[in-house]
């Protein structure tokens, strides 16, 4: 993710001992190594580290997942599920990379469209 920083260069971190409840929005990129209970929206990129947990939706241009997400993920360009990733929820993305060992339980919609899904 480091080579795909937000245009404004802003990168936010949530450390492994931090728990945040609520909605997080950033115009830049974000990395979660702690726990987020709520939705995460990044205009640039989002990464969930090996010890990171998100209980809510994740929306970003590119998403890299090494930890656990319980909720839907929308990656406008690309979603990468690394080997230790656990995703319990639906995926919407243009491109999907799943490493051997990653776990995914949900539905996946892949389109060339970069438009976010409509609320249903």
N, C-alpha and C. Protein backbone atom coordinates (compact mmCIF):
# COMPACT_ATOMS: atom_id res chain seq x y z
N UNK A 1 0.82 -1.19 0.00
CA UNK A 1 0.00 0.00 0.00
C UNK A 1 0.86 1.25 0.00
N UNK A 2 2.08 1.18 0.46
CA UNK A 2 2.92 2.37 0.57
C UNK A 2 3.14 3.04 -0.77
N UNK A 3 3.18 2.25 -1.85
CA UNK A 3 3.40 2.84 -3.16
C UNK A 3 2.13 3.44 -3.75
N UNK A 4 1.00 3.29 -3.08
CA UNK A 4 -0.27 3.83 -3.57
C UNK A 4 -0.87 4.79 -2.55
N UNK A 5 -0.06 5.65 -1.99
CA UNK A 5 -0.52 6.63 -1.00
C UNK A 5 -1.54 7.58 -1.61
N UNK A 6 -2.31 8.20 -0.77
CA UNK A 6 -3.27 9.20 -1.23
C UNK A 6 -2.53 10.35 -1.88
N UNK A 7 -3.19 11.02 -2.78
CA UNK A 7 -2.58 12.14 -3.47
C UNK A 7 -2.10 13.20 -2.50
N UNK A 8 -2.81 13.38 -1.37
CA UNK A 8 -2.39 14.38 -0.41
C UNK A 8 -1.35 13.84 0.58
N UNK A 9 -0.98 12.56 0.46
CA UNK A 9 0.08 11.99 1.29
C UNK A 9 -0.34 11.66 2.71
N UNK A 10 -1.61 11.86 3.06
CA UNK A 10 -2.07 11.62 4.42
C UNK A 10 -2.27 10.13 4.66
N UNK A 11 -1.68 9.61 5.74
CA UNK A 11 -1.83 8.22 6.12
C UNK A 11 -2.12 8.16 7.61
N UNK A 12 -3.26 7.58 7.98
CA UNK A 12 -3.65 7.47 9.38
C UNK A 12 -3.42 6.03 9.85
N UNK A 13 -3.03 5.89 11.13
CA UNK A 13 -2.79 4.58 11.73
C UNK A 13 -3.68 4.39 12.95
N UNK A 14 -4.17 3.17 13.11
CA UNK A 14 -4.86 2.78 14.34
C UNK A 14 -4.03 1.64 14.91
N UNK A 15 -3.33 1.91 16.03
CA UNK A 15 -2.40 0.97 16.63
C UNK A 15 -3.07 -0.26 17.20
N UNK A 16 -2.27 -1.31 17.43
CA UNK A 16 -2.81 -2.61 17.86
C UNK A 16 -3.44 -2.60 19.25
N UNK A 17 -3.17 -1.60 20.07
CA UNK A 17 -3.80 -1.53 21.39
C UNK A 17 -5.00 -0.58 21.41
N UNK A 18 -5.38 -0.08 20.26
CA UNK A 18 -6.46 0.91 20.17
C UNK A 18 -7.77 0.27 19.71
N UNK A 19 -8.87 0.66 20.38
CA UNK A 19 -10.22 0.25 19.97
C UNK A 19 -11.01 1.52 19.71
N UNK A 20 -11.61 1.61 18.54
CA UNK A 20 -12.41 2.77 18.17
C UNK A 20 -13.81 2.30 17.84
N UNK A 21 -14.81 2.99 18.40
CA UNK A 21 -16.21 2.71 18.09
C UNK A 21 -16.79 3.90 17.36
N UNK A 22 -17.41 3.65 16.20
CA UNK A 22 -18.00 4.73 15.42
C UNK A 22 -17.54 4.68 13.98
N UNK A 23 -17.97 5.66 13.21
CA UNK A 23 -17.62 5.73 11.80
C UNK A 23 -16.33 6.53 11.63
N UNK A 24 -15.43 5.99 10.81
CA UNK A 24 -14.17 6.67 10.51
C UNK A 24 -14.19 7.05 9.03
N UNK A 25 -13.90 8.33 8.74
CA UNK A 25 -13.82 8.82 7.37
C UNK A 25 -12.50 9.56 7.21
N UNK A 26 -11.80 9.30 6.10
CA UNK A 26 -10.57 10.01 5.82
C UNK A 26 -10.47 10.28 4.32
N UNK A 27 -9.89 11.43 3.98
CA UNK A 27 -9.64 11.76 2.59
C UNK A 27 -8.38 11.08 2.09
N UNK A 28 -7.57 10.56 3.00
CA UNK A 28 -6.33 9.89 2.66
C UNK A 28 -6.46 8.38 2.78
N UNK A 29 -5.36 7.76 3.22
CA UNK A 29 -5.28 6.31 3.42
C UNK A 29 -5.28 6.00 4.90
N UNK A 30 -5.63 4.75 5.25
CA UNK A 30 -5.66 4.35 6.66
C UNK A 30 -5.18 2.91 6.80
N UNK A 31 -4.50 2.64 7.91
CA UNK A 31 -4.08 1.29 8.26
C UNK A 31 -4.62 0.98 9.64
N UNK A 32 -5.27 -0.18 9.78
CA UNK A 32 -5.84 -0.61 11.05
C UNK A 32 -5.07 -1.81 11.57
N UNK A 33 -4.41 -1.64 12.71
CA UNK A 33 -3.77 -2.76 13.39
C UNK A 33 -4.48 -3.03 14.71
N UNK A 34 -5.42 -2.18 15.08
CA UNK A 34 -6.22 -2.34 16.28
C UNK A 34 -7.59 -2.85 15.92
N UNK A 35 -8.62 -2.33 16.61
CA UNK A 35 -9.99 -2.78 16.39
C UNK A 35 -10.89 -1.58 16.11
N UNK A 36 -11.70 -1.69 15.07
CA UNK A 36 -12.69 -0.68 14.72
C UNK A 36 -14.05 -1.35 14.77
N UNK A 37 -14.93 -0.81 15.61
CA UNK A 37 -16.30 -1.27 15.66
C UNK A 37 -17.14 -0.17 15.02
N UNK A 38 -17.42 -0.34 13.75
CA UNK A 38 -18.11 0.68 12.98
C UNK A 38 -17.59 0.68 11.56
N UNK A 39 -18.05 1.62 10.78
CA UNK A 39 -17.70 1.67 9.36
C UNK A 39 -16.43 2.47 9.13
N UNK A 40 -15.70 2.08 8.09
CA UNK A 40 -14.43 2.69 7.74
C UNK A 40 -14.50 3.12 6.28
N UNK A 41 -14.34 4.42 6.02
CA UNK A 41 -14.41 4.96 4.66
C UNK A 41 -13.14 5.76 4.38
N UNK A 42 -12.37 5.33 3.38
CA UNK A 42 -11.17 6.04 2.97
C UNK A 42 -11.29 6.39 1.50
N UNK A 43 -10.99 7.66 1.16
CA UNK A 43 -11.04 8.06 -0.25
C UNK A 43 -9.88 7.46 -1.02
N UNK A 44 -8.80 7.14 -0.34
CA UNK A 44 -7.65 6.53 -1.00
C UNK A 44 -7.64 5.02 -0.69
N UNK A 45 -6.75 4.57 0.16
CA UNK A 45 -6.56 3.14 0.39
C UNK A 45 -6.77 2.77 1.85
N UNK A 46 -7.14 1.50 2.08
CA UNK A 46 -7.33 1.01 3.44
C UNK A 46 -6.61 -0.33 3.57
N UNK A 47 -5.94 -0.51 4.70
CA UNK A 47 -5.27 -1.78 4.99
C UNK A 47 -5.64 -2.21 6.40
N UNK A 48 -5.92 -3.50 6.55
CA UNK A 48 -6.17 -4.08 7.86
C UNK A 48 -5.03 -5.07 8.09
N UNK A 49 -4.17 -4.77 9.08
CA UNK A 49 -3.02 -5.60 9.37
C UNK A 49 -3.41 -6.93 10.00
N UNK A 50 -2.43 -7.81 10.19
CA UNK A 50 -2.67 -9.15 10.73
C UNK A 50 -3.43 -9.13 12.05
N UNK A 51 -3.13 -8.18 12.93
CA UNK A 51 -3.83 -8.10 14.22
C UNK A 51 -5.05 -7.18 14.16
N UNK A 52 -5.32 -6.60 13.01
CA UNK A 52 -6.43 -5.68 12.86
C UNK A 52 -7.77 -6.38 12.73
N UNK A 53 -8.80 -5.73 13.29
CA UNK A 53 -10.17 -6.24 13.22
C UNK A 53 -11.09 -5.07 12.90
N UNK A 54 -11.97 -5.26 11.94
CA UNK A 54 -13.01 -4.28 11.63
C UNK A 54 -14.35 -4.99 11.69
N UNK A 55 -15.24 -4.48 12.53
CA UNK A 55 -16.61 -4.99 12.62
C UNK A 55 -17.52 -3.93 12.03
N UNK A 56 -17.67 -3.96 10.72
CA UNK A 56 -18.45 -2.96 9.99
C UNK A 56 -18.02 -2.97 8.54
N UNK A 57 -18.54 -2.04 7.76
CA UNK A 57 -18.19 -1.98 6.35
C UNK A 57 -16.87 -1.25 6.13
N UNK A 58 -16.16 -1.66 5.10
CA UNK A 58 -14.92 -1.02 4.69
C UNK A 58 -15.10 -0.58 3.25
N UNK A 59 -14.85 0.71 2.99
CA UNK A 59 -14.95 1.25 1.63
C UNK A 59 -13.71 2.08 1.35
N UNK A 60 -13.04 1.78 0.23
CA UNK A 60 -11.84 2.52 -0.17
C UNK A 60 -11.55 2.26 -1.64
N UNK A 61 -10.60 3.02 -2.18
CA UNK A 61 -10.19 2.80 -3.57
C UNK A 61 -9.56 1.42 -3.70
N UNK A 62 -8.56 1.13 -2.86
CA UNK A 62 -7.91 -0.18 -2.80
C UNK A 62 -7.94 -0.64 -1.36
N UNK A 63 -8.19 -1.94 -1.15
CA UNK A 63 -8.23 -2.50 0.20
C UNK A 63 -7.29 -3.69 0.25
N UNK A 64 -6.44 -3.72 1.29
CA UNK A 64 -5.55 -4.84 1.54
C UNK A 64 -5.90 -5.41 2.91
N UNK A 65 -6.22 -6.69 2.95
CA UNK A 65 -6.69 -7.31 4.18
C UNK A 65 -5.79 -8.45 4.59
N UNK A 66 -5.18 -8.31 5.78
CA UNK A 66 -4.38 -9.38 6.38
C UNK A 66 -5.04 -9.88 7.66
N UNK A 67 -5.91 -9.06 8.25
CA UNK A 67 -6.58 -9.38 9.51
C UNK A 67 -7.99 -9.86 9.27
N UNK A 68 -8.93 -9.37 10.10
CA UNK A 68 -10.31 -9.86 10.06
C UNK A 68 -11.29 -8.72 9.84
N UNK A 69 -12.24 -8.95 8.94
CA UNK A 69 -13.34 -8.01 8.72
C UNK A 69 -14.64 -8.79 8.82
N UNK A 70 -15.53 -8.30 9.71
CA UNK A 70 -16.89 -8.83 9.81
C UNK A 70 -17.81 -7.76 9.26
N UNK A 71 -18.10 -7.82 7.96
CA UNK A 71 -18.90 -6.82 7.29
C UNK A 71 -18.54 -6.76 5.83
N UNK A 72 -19.23 -5.97 5.08
CA UNK A 72 -18.99 -5.90 3.64
C UNK A 72 -17.78 -5.03 3.33
N UNK A 73 -17.14 -5.34 2.19
CA UNK A 73 -15.99 -4.59 1.72
C UNK A 73 -16.26 -4.12 0.29
N UNK A 74 -16.10 -2.82 0.07
CA UNK A 74 -16.19 -2.26 -1.27
C UNK A 74 -14.85 -1.64 -1.62
N UNK A 75 -14.19 -2.21 -2.61
CA UNK A 75 -12.92 -1.68 -3.11
C UNK A 75 -13.19 -1.19 -4.52
N UNK A 76 -13.12 0.10 -4.73
CA UNK A 76 -13.46 0.68 -6.02
C UNK A 76 -12.54 0.20 -7.13
N UNK A 77 -11.28 -0.13 -6.79
CA UNK A 77 -10.34 -0.64 -7.79
C UNK A 77 -9.94 -2.09 -7.51
N UNK A 78 -9.32 -2.34 -6.33
CA UNK A 78 -8.79 -3.69 -6.08
C UNK A 78 -8.86 -4.06 -4.61
N UNK A 79 -9.21 -5.33 -4.36
CA UNK A 79 -9.20 -5.92 -3.02
C UNK A 79 -8.20 -7.05 -3.00
N UNK A 80 -7.30 -7.05 -2.00
CA UNK A 80 -6.33 -8.11 -1.83
C UNK A 80 -6.59 -8.79 -0.49
N UNK A 81 -6.89 -10.09 -0.54
CA UNK A 81 -7.03 -10.90 0.67
C UNK A 81 -5.73 -11.68 0.83
N UNK A 82 -4.93 -11.28 1.81
CA UNK A 82 -3.65 -11.93 2.03
C UNK A 82 -3.84 -13.25 2.76
N UNK A 83 -2.77 -14.04 2.89
CA UNK A 83 -2.88 -15.43 3.34
C UNK A 83 -3.53 -15.64 4.71
N UNK A 84 -3.48 -14.69 5.63
CA UNK A 84 -4.08 -14.85 6.95
C UNK A 84 -5.41 -14.09 7.09
N UNK A 85 -5.90 -13.54 6.00
CA UNK A 85 -7.12 -12.73 6.02
C UNK A 85 -8.36 -13.58 6.29
N UNK A 86 -9.30 -12.98 7.04
CA UNK A 86 -10.61 -13.58 7.27
C UNK A 86 -11.64 -12.50 6.96
N UNK A 87 -12.50 -12.78 5.99
CA UNK A 87 -13.54 -11.84 5.60
C UNK A 87 -14.89 -12.54 5.70
N UNK A 88 -15.71 -12.06 6.63
CA UNK A 88 -17.05 -12.60 6.83
C UNK A 88 -18.04 -11.53 6.38
N UNK A 89 -18.33 -11.50 5.10
CA UNK A 89 -19.20 -10.49 4.55
C UNK A 89 -19.08 -10.45 3.04
N UNK A 90 -19.82 -9.58 2.43
CA UNK A 90 -19.87 -9.49 0.97
C UNK A 90 -18.78 -8.58 0.42
N UNK A 91 -18.41 -8.86 -0.82
CA UNK A 91 -17.37 -8.10 -1.52
C UNK A 91 -17.98 -7.46 -2.76
N UNK A 92 -17.56 -6.22 -3.00
CA UNK A 92 -17.84 -5.55 -4.28
C UNK A 92 -16.53 -4.89 -4.70
N UNK A 93 -16.01 -5.29 -5.86
CA UNK A 93 -14.73 -4.78 -6.32
C UNK A 93 -14.60 -4.97 -7.83
N UNK A 94 -13.69 -4.23 -8.42
CA UNK A 94 -13.40 -4.40 -9.84
C UNK A 94 -12.39 -5.54 -10.04
N UNK A 95 -11.39 -5.63 -9.13
CA UNK A 95 -10.36 -6.67 -9.21
C UNK A 95 -10.18 -7.31 -7.85
N UNK A 96 -9.98 -8.62 -7.82
CA UNK A 96 -9.85 -9.37 -6.58
C UNK A 96 -8.63 -10.27 -6.64
N UNK A 97 -7.81 -10.21 -5.57
CA UNK A 97 -6.66 -11.09 -5.42
C UNK A 97 -6.84 -11.85 -4.11
N UNK A 98 -6.82 -13.19 -4.19
CA UNK A 98 -6.98 -14.01 -2.99
C UNK A 98 -5.77 -14.91 -2.86
N UNK A 99 -4.98 -14.69 -1.80
CA UNK A 99 -3.82 -15.53 -1.54
C UNK A 99 -4.26 -16.85 -0.93
N UNK A 100 -3.46 -17.89 -1.15
CA UNK A 100 -3.74 -19.19 -0.56
C UNK A 100 -3.75 -19.07 0.95
N UNK A 101 -4.78 -19.61 1.60
CA UNK A 101 -4.90 -19.54 3.05
C UNK A 101 -5.91 -18.50 3.51
N UNK A 102 -6.26 -17.55 2.65
CA UNK A 102 -7.26 -16.54 3.02
C UNK A 102 -8.63 -17.19 3.12
N UNK A 103 -9.47 -16.66 4.02
CA UNK A 103 -10.82 -17.19 4.18
C UNK A 103 -11.83 -16.10 3.84
N UNK A 104 -12.83 -16.48 3.05
CA UNK A 104 -13.88 -15.55 2.65
C UNK A 104 -15.22 -16.27 2.71
N UNK A 105 -16.19 -15.70 3.43
CA UNK A 105 -17.52 -16.28 3.53
C UNK A 105 -18.53 -15.17 3.23
N UNK A 106 -19.09 -15.19 2.03
CA UNK A 106 -20.04 -14.17 1.61
C UNK A 106 -20.22 -14.22 0.12
N UNK A 107 -20.78 -13.18 -0.43
CA UNK A 107 -20.98 -13.09 -1.87
C UNK A 107 -20.02 -12.08 -2.45
N UNK A 108 -19.68 -12.28 -3.72
CA UNK A 108 -18.75 -11.38 -4.39
C UNK A 108 -19.35 -10.89 -5.69
N UNK A 109 -19.31 -9.57 -5.88
CA UNK A 109 -19.74 -8.95 -7.14
C UNK A 109 -18.55 -8.22 -7.73
N UNK A 110 -18.16 -8.63 -8.93
CA UNK A 110 -17.03 -7.99 -9.60
C UNK A 110 -17.52 -7.33 -10.88
N UNK A 111 -17.27 -6.04 -10.98
CA UNK A 111 -17.65 -5.30 -12.18
C UNK A 111 -16.53 -4.35 -12.53
N UNK A 112 -16.54 -3.88 -13.74
CA UNK A 112 -15.58 -2.88 -14.15
C UNK A 112 -15.92 -1.50 -13.63
N UNK A 113 -17.13 -1.38 -13.11
CA UNK A 113 -17.61 -0.10 -12.60
C UNK A 113 -16.91 0.25 -11.29
N UNK A 114 -16.59 1.52 -11.12
CA UNK A 114 -15.99 1.96 -9.86
C UNK A 114 -17.01 2.65 -8.98
N UNK A 115 -18.27 2.58 -9.35
CA UNK A 115 -19.31 3.23 -8.54
C UNK A 115 -19.59 2.40 -7.29
N UNK A 116 -19.74 3.05 -6.13
CA UNK A 116 -20.06 2.32 -4.92
C UNK A 116 -21.46 1.71 -5.03
N UNK A 117 -21.72 0.62 -4.28
CA UNK A 117 -23.03 -0.02 -4.37
C UNK A 117 -24.13 0.89 -3.84
N UNK A 118 -25.31 0.72 -4.39
CA UNK A 118 -26.47 1.50 -3.94
C UNK A 118 -27.02 0.89 -2.66
N UNK A 119 -27.47 1.73 -1.76
CA UNK A 119 -28.08 1.23 -0.52
C UNK A 119 -29.35 0.51 -0.88
N UNK A 120 -29.56 -0.64 -0.21
CA UNK A 120 -30.63 -1.41 -0.68
C UNK A 120 -31.75 -1.68 0.15
